[in-house]
């Protein structure tokens, strides 16, 4: 669980950091989220595949096979959720802040 949580958190932080860098470079919120998800997708998927491949080697062990199965499927699902949910939530949260009308004094 610690390995799975570490991979998920790392990927999410890198994705959000990349979105913020794109915003500082002057891109719109929509374009920054789209670019970040597209550009960071390959490294995130490669990290997930490497971790899944590493877990395949312990599938034959009778004691740790359950751990390997949960790690493989956990990484698979979390990778999909990281590439879909994190950009959508970031956009939804920041869309209100970017398009909010200033309050009248």
C-alpha atoms as a PDB file:
ATOM      1  CA  UNK A   1       0.000   0.000   0.000  1.00  0.00           C
ATOM      2  CA  UNK A   2       2.876   2.361   0.702  1.00  0.00           C
ATOM      3  CA  UNK A   3       4.366   1.758  -2.750  1.00  0.00           C
ATOM      4  CA  UNK A   4       0.991   2.271  -4.397  1.00  0.00           C
ATOM      5  CA  UNK A   5       0.284   5.454  -2.451  1.00  0.00           C
ATOM      6  CA  UNK A   6       3.738   6.792  -3.252  1.00  0.00           C
ATOM      7  CA  UNK A   7       3.307   6.290  -6.975  1.00  0.00           C
ATOM      8  CA  UNK A   8      -0.164   7.849  -6.989  1.00  0.00           C
ATOM      9  CA  UNK A   9       0.871  10.895  -4.971  1.00  0.00           C
ATOM     10  CA  UNK A  10       4.034  11.421  -7.008  1.00  0.00           C
ATOM     11  CA  UNK A  11       2.169  11.315 -10.309  1.00  0.00           C
ATOM     12  CA  UNK A  12      -0.526  13.668  -9.043  1.00  0.00           C
ATOM     13  CA  UNK A  13       1.976  16.175  -7.690  1.00  0.00           C
ATOM     14  CA  UNK A  14       3.953  16.163 -10.934  1.00  0.00           C
ATOM     15  CA  UNK A  15       0.791  16.685 -12.955  1.00  0.00           C
ATOM     16  CA  UNK A  16      -0.433  19.590 -10.838  1.00  0.00           C
ATOM     17  CA  UNK A  17       3.053  21.134 -10.798  1.00  0.00           C
ATOM     18  CA  UNK A  18       3.217  20.941 -14.581  1.00  0.00           C
ATOM     19  CA  UNK A  19      -0.203  22.622 -14.850  1.00  0.00           C
ATOM     20  CA  UNK A  20       0.986  25.432 -12.591  1.00  0.00           C
ATOM     21  CA  UNK A  21       4.158  25.883 -14.645  1.00  0.00           C
ATOM     22  CA  UNK A  22       2.080  26.153 -17.809  1.00  0.00           C
ATOM     23  CA  UNK A  23      -0.177  28.740 -16.128  1.00  0.00           C
ATOM     24  CA  UNK A  24       2.865  30.790 -15.086  1.00  0.00           C
ATOM     25  CA  UNK A  25       4.076  30.665 -18.675  1.00  0.00           C
ATOM     26  CA  UNK A  26       0.899  32.501 -19.674  1.00  0.00           C
ATOM     27  CA  UNK A  27      -1.315  29.697 -20.927  1.00  0.00           C
ATOM     28  CA  UNK A  28      -5.031  29.697 -20.277  1.00  0.00           C
ATOM     29  CA  UNK A  29      -6.421  27.350 -17.654  1.00  0.00           C
ATOM     30  CA  UNK A  30      -7.993  25.066 -20.260  1.00  0.00           C
ATOM     31  CA  UNK A  31      -4.870  24.859 -22.400  1.00  0.00           C
ATOM     32  CA  UNK A  32      -2.589  24.320 -19.397  1.00  0.00           C
ATOM     33  CA  UNK A  33      -4.689  21.399 -18.124  1.00  0.00           C
ATOM     34  CA  UNK A  34      -4.906  19.796 -21.573  1.00  0.00           C
ATOM     35  CA  UNK A  35      -1.199  20.218 -22.281  1.00  0.00           C
ATOM     36  CA  UNK A  36      -0.165  18.918 -18.882  1.00  0.00           C
ATOM     37  CA  UNK A  37      -2.317  15.813 -19.183  1.00  0.00           C
ATOM     38  CA  UNK A  38      -1.079  15.140 -22.708  1.00  0.00           C
ATOM     39  CA  UNK A  39       2.607  15.767 -22.046  1.00  0.00           C
ATOM     40  CA  UNK A  40       2.790  13.998 -18.668  1.00  0.00           C
ATOM     41  CA  UNK A  41       0.715  10.993 -19.792  1.00  0.00           C
ATOM     42  CA  UNK A  42       3.676   9.084 -21.232  1.00  0.00           C
ATOM     43  CA  UNK A  43       5.931   9.380 -18.146  1.00  0.00           C
ATOM     44  CA  UNK A  44       3.029   8.503 -15.839  1.00  0.00           C
ATOM     45  CA  UNK A  45       2.109   5.446 -17.906  1.00  0.00           C
ATOM     46  CA  UNK A  46       5.743   4.315 -18.162  1.00  0.00           C
ATOM     47  CA  UNK A  47       6.171   4.616 -14.394  1.00  0.00           C
ATOM     48  CA  UNK A  48       3.019   2.570 -13.866  1.00  0.00           C
ATOM     49  CA  UNK A  49       4.113  -0.082 -16.361  1.00  0.00           C
ATOM     50  CA  UNK A  50       7.516  -0.394 -14.706  1.00  0.00           C
ATOM     51  CA  UNK A  51       5.924  -0.852 -11.275  1.00  0.00           C
ATOM     52  CA  UNK A  52       3.405  -3.347 -12.657  1.00  0.00           C
ATOM     53  CA  UNK A  53       6.162  -5.303 -14.388  1.00  0.00           C
ATOM     54  CA  UNK A  54       8.112  -5.427 -11.137  1.00  0.00           C
ATOM     55  CA  UNK A  55       5.052  -6.779  -9.330  1.00  0.00           C
ATOM     56  CA  UNK A  56       4.615  -9.548 -11.928  1.00  0.00           C
ATOM     57  CA  UNK A  57       7.772 -11.236 -10.616  1.00  0.00           C
ATOM     58  CA  UNK A  58       6.221 -11.873  -7.221  1.00  0.00           C
ATOM     59  CA  UNK A  59       2.989 -13.325  -8.617  1.00  0.00           C
ATOM     60  CA  UNK A  60       4.345 -16.872  -8.335  1.00  0.00           C
ATOM     61  CA  UNK A  61       5.209 -16.513  -4.644  1.00  0.00           C
ATOM     62  CA  UNK A  62       2.444 -18.129  -2.565  1.00  0.00           C
ATOM     63  CA  UNK A  63       2.788 -15.617   0.264  1.00  0.00           C
ATOM     64  CA  UNK A  64       3.060 -12.392  -1.696  1.00  0.00           C
ATOM     65  CA  UNK A  65       0.854 -13.192  -4.703  1.00  0.00           C
ATOM     66  CA  UNK A  66      -2.122 -11.350  -3.168  1.00  0.00           C
ATOM     67  CA  UNK A  67       0.060  -8.301  -2.649  1.00  0.00           C
ATOM     68  CA  UNK A  68       1.228  -8.456  -6.251  1.00  0.00           C
ATOM     69  CA  UNK A  69      -2.327  -8.717  -7.603  1.00  0.00           C
ATOM     70  CA  UNK A  70      -3.554  -5.789  -5.548  1.00  0.00           C
ATOM     71  CA  UNK A  71      -0.501  -3.735  -6.491  1.00  0.00           C
ATOM     72  CA  UNK A  72      -0.893  -4.429 -10.216  1.00  0.00           C
ATOM     73  CA  UNK A  73      -4.584  -3.598 -10.360  1.00  0.00           C
ATOM     74  CA  UNK A  74      -4.201  -0.689  -7.944  1.00  0.00           C
ATOM     75  CA  UNK A  75      -1.532   0.894 -10.121  1.00  0.00           C
ATOM     76  CA  UNK A  76      -3.620   0.309 -13.242  1.00  0.00           C
ATOM     77  CA  UNK A  77      -6.739   1.951 -11.816  1.00  0.00           C
ATOM     78  CA  UNK A  78      -4.860   4.768 -10.118  1.00  0.00           C
ATOM     79  CA  UNK A  79      -3.021   5.622 -13.325  1.00  0.00           C
ATOM     80  CA  UNK A  80      -6.281   5.976 -15.220  1.00  0.00           C
ATOM     81  CA  UNK A  81      -7.794   8.017 -12.409  1.00  0.00           C
ATOM     82  CA  UNK A  82      -4.695  10.218 -12.176  1.00  0.00           C
ATOM     83  CA  UNK A  83      -4.810  11.016 -15.879  1.00  0.00           C
ATOM     84  CA  UNK A  84      -8.550  11.725 -15.848  1.00  0.00           C
ATOM     85  CA  UNK A  85      -9.703  12.813 -12.396  1.00  0.00           C
ATOM     86  CA  UNK A  86      -6.811  15.054 -11.320  1.00  0.00           C
ATOM     87  CA  UNK A  87      -7.000  17.354 -14.392  1.00  0.00           C
ATOM     88  CA  UNK A  88     -10.803  17.506 -14.214  1.00  0.00           C
ATOM     89  CA  UNK A  89     -10.846  18.329 -10.495  1.00  0.00           C
ATOM     90  CA  UNK A  90      -8.051  20.885 -10.895  1.00  0.00           C
ATOM     91  CA  UNK A  91      -9.900  22.541 -13.767  1.00  0.00           C
ATOM     92  CA  UNK A  92     -13.243  22.529 -11.942  1.00  0.00           C
ATOM     93  CA  UNK A  93     -11.739  23.993  -8.781  1.00  0.00           C
ATOM     94  CA  UNK A  94      -9.769  26.704 -10.566  1.00  0.00           C
ATOM     95  CA  UNK A  95     -12.449  27.503 -13.143  1.00  0.00           C
ATOM     96  CA  UNK A  96     -14.566  29.102 -10.432  1.00  0.00           C
ATOM     97  CA  UNK A  97     -11.607  31.161  -9.216  1.00  0.00           C
ATOM     98  CA  UNK A  98     -10.502  32.295 -12.682  1.00  0.00           C
ATOM     99  CA  UNK A  99     -13.991  33.228 -13.905  1.00  0.00           C
ATOM    100  CA  UNK A 100     -15.333  34.668 -10.668  1.00  0.00           C
ATOM    101  CA  UNK A 101     -16.528  38.206 -10.967  1.00  0.00           C
ATOM    102  CA  UNK A 102     -14.906  40.678  -8.617  1.00  0.00           C
ATOM    103  CA  UNK A 103     -16.996  41.667  -5.624  1.00  0.00           C
ATOM    104  CA  UNK A 104     -18.405  45.162  -5.510  1.00  0.00           C
ATOM    105  CA  UNK A 105     -17.300  47.378  -2.679  1.00  0.00           C
END
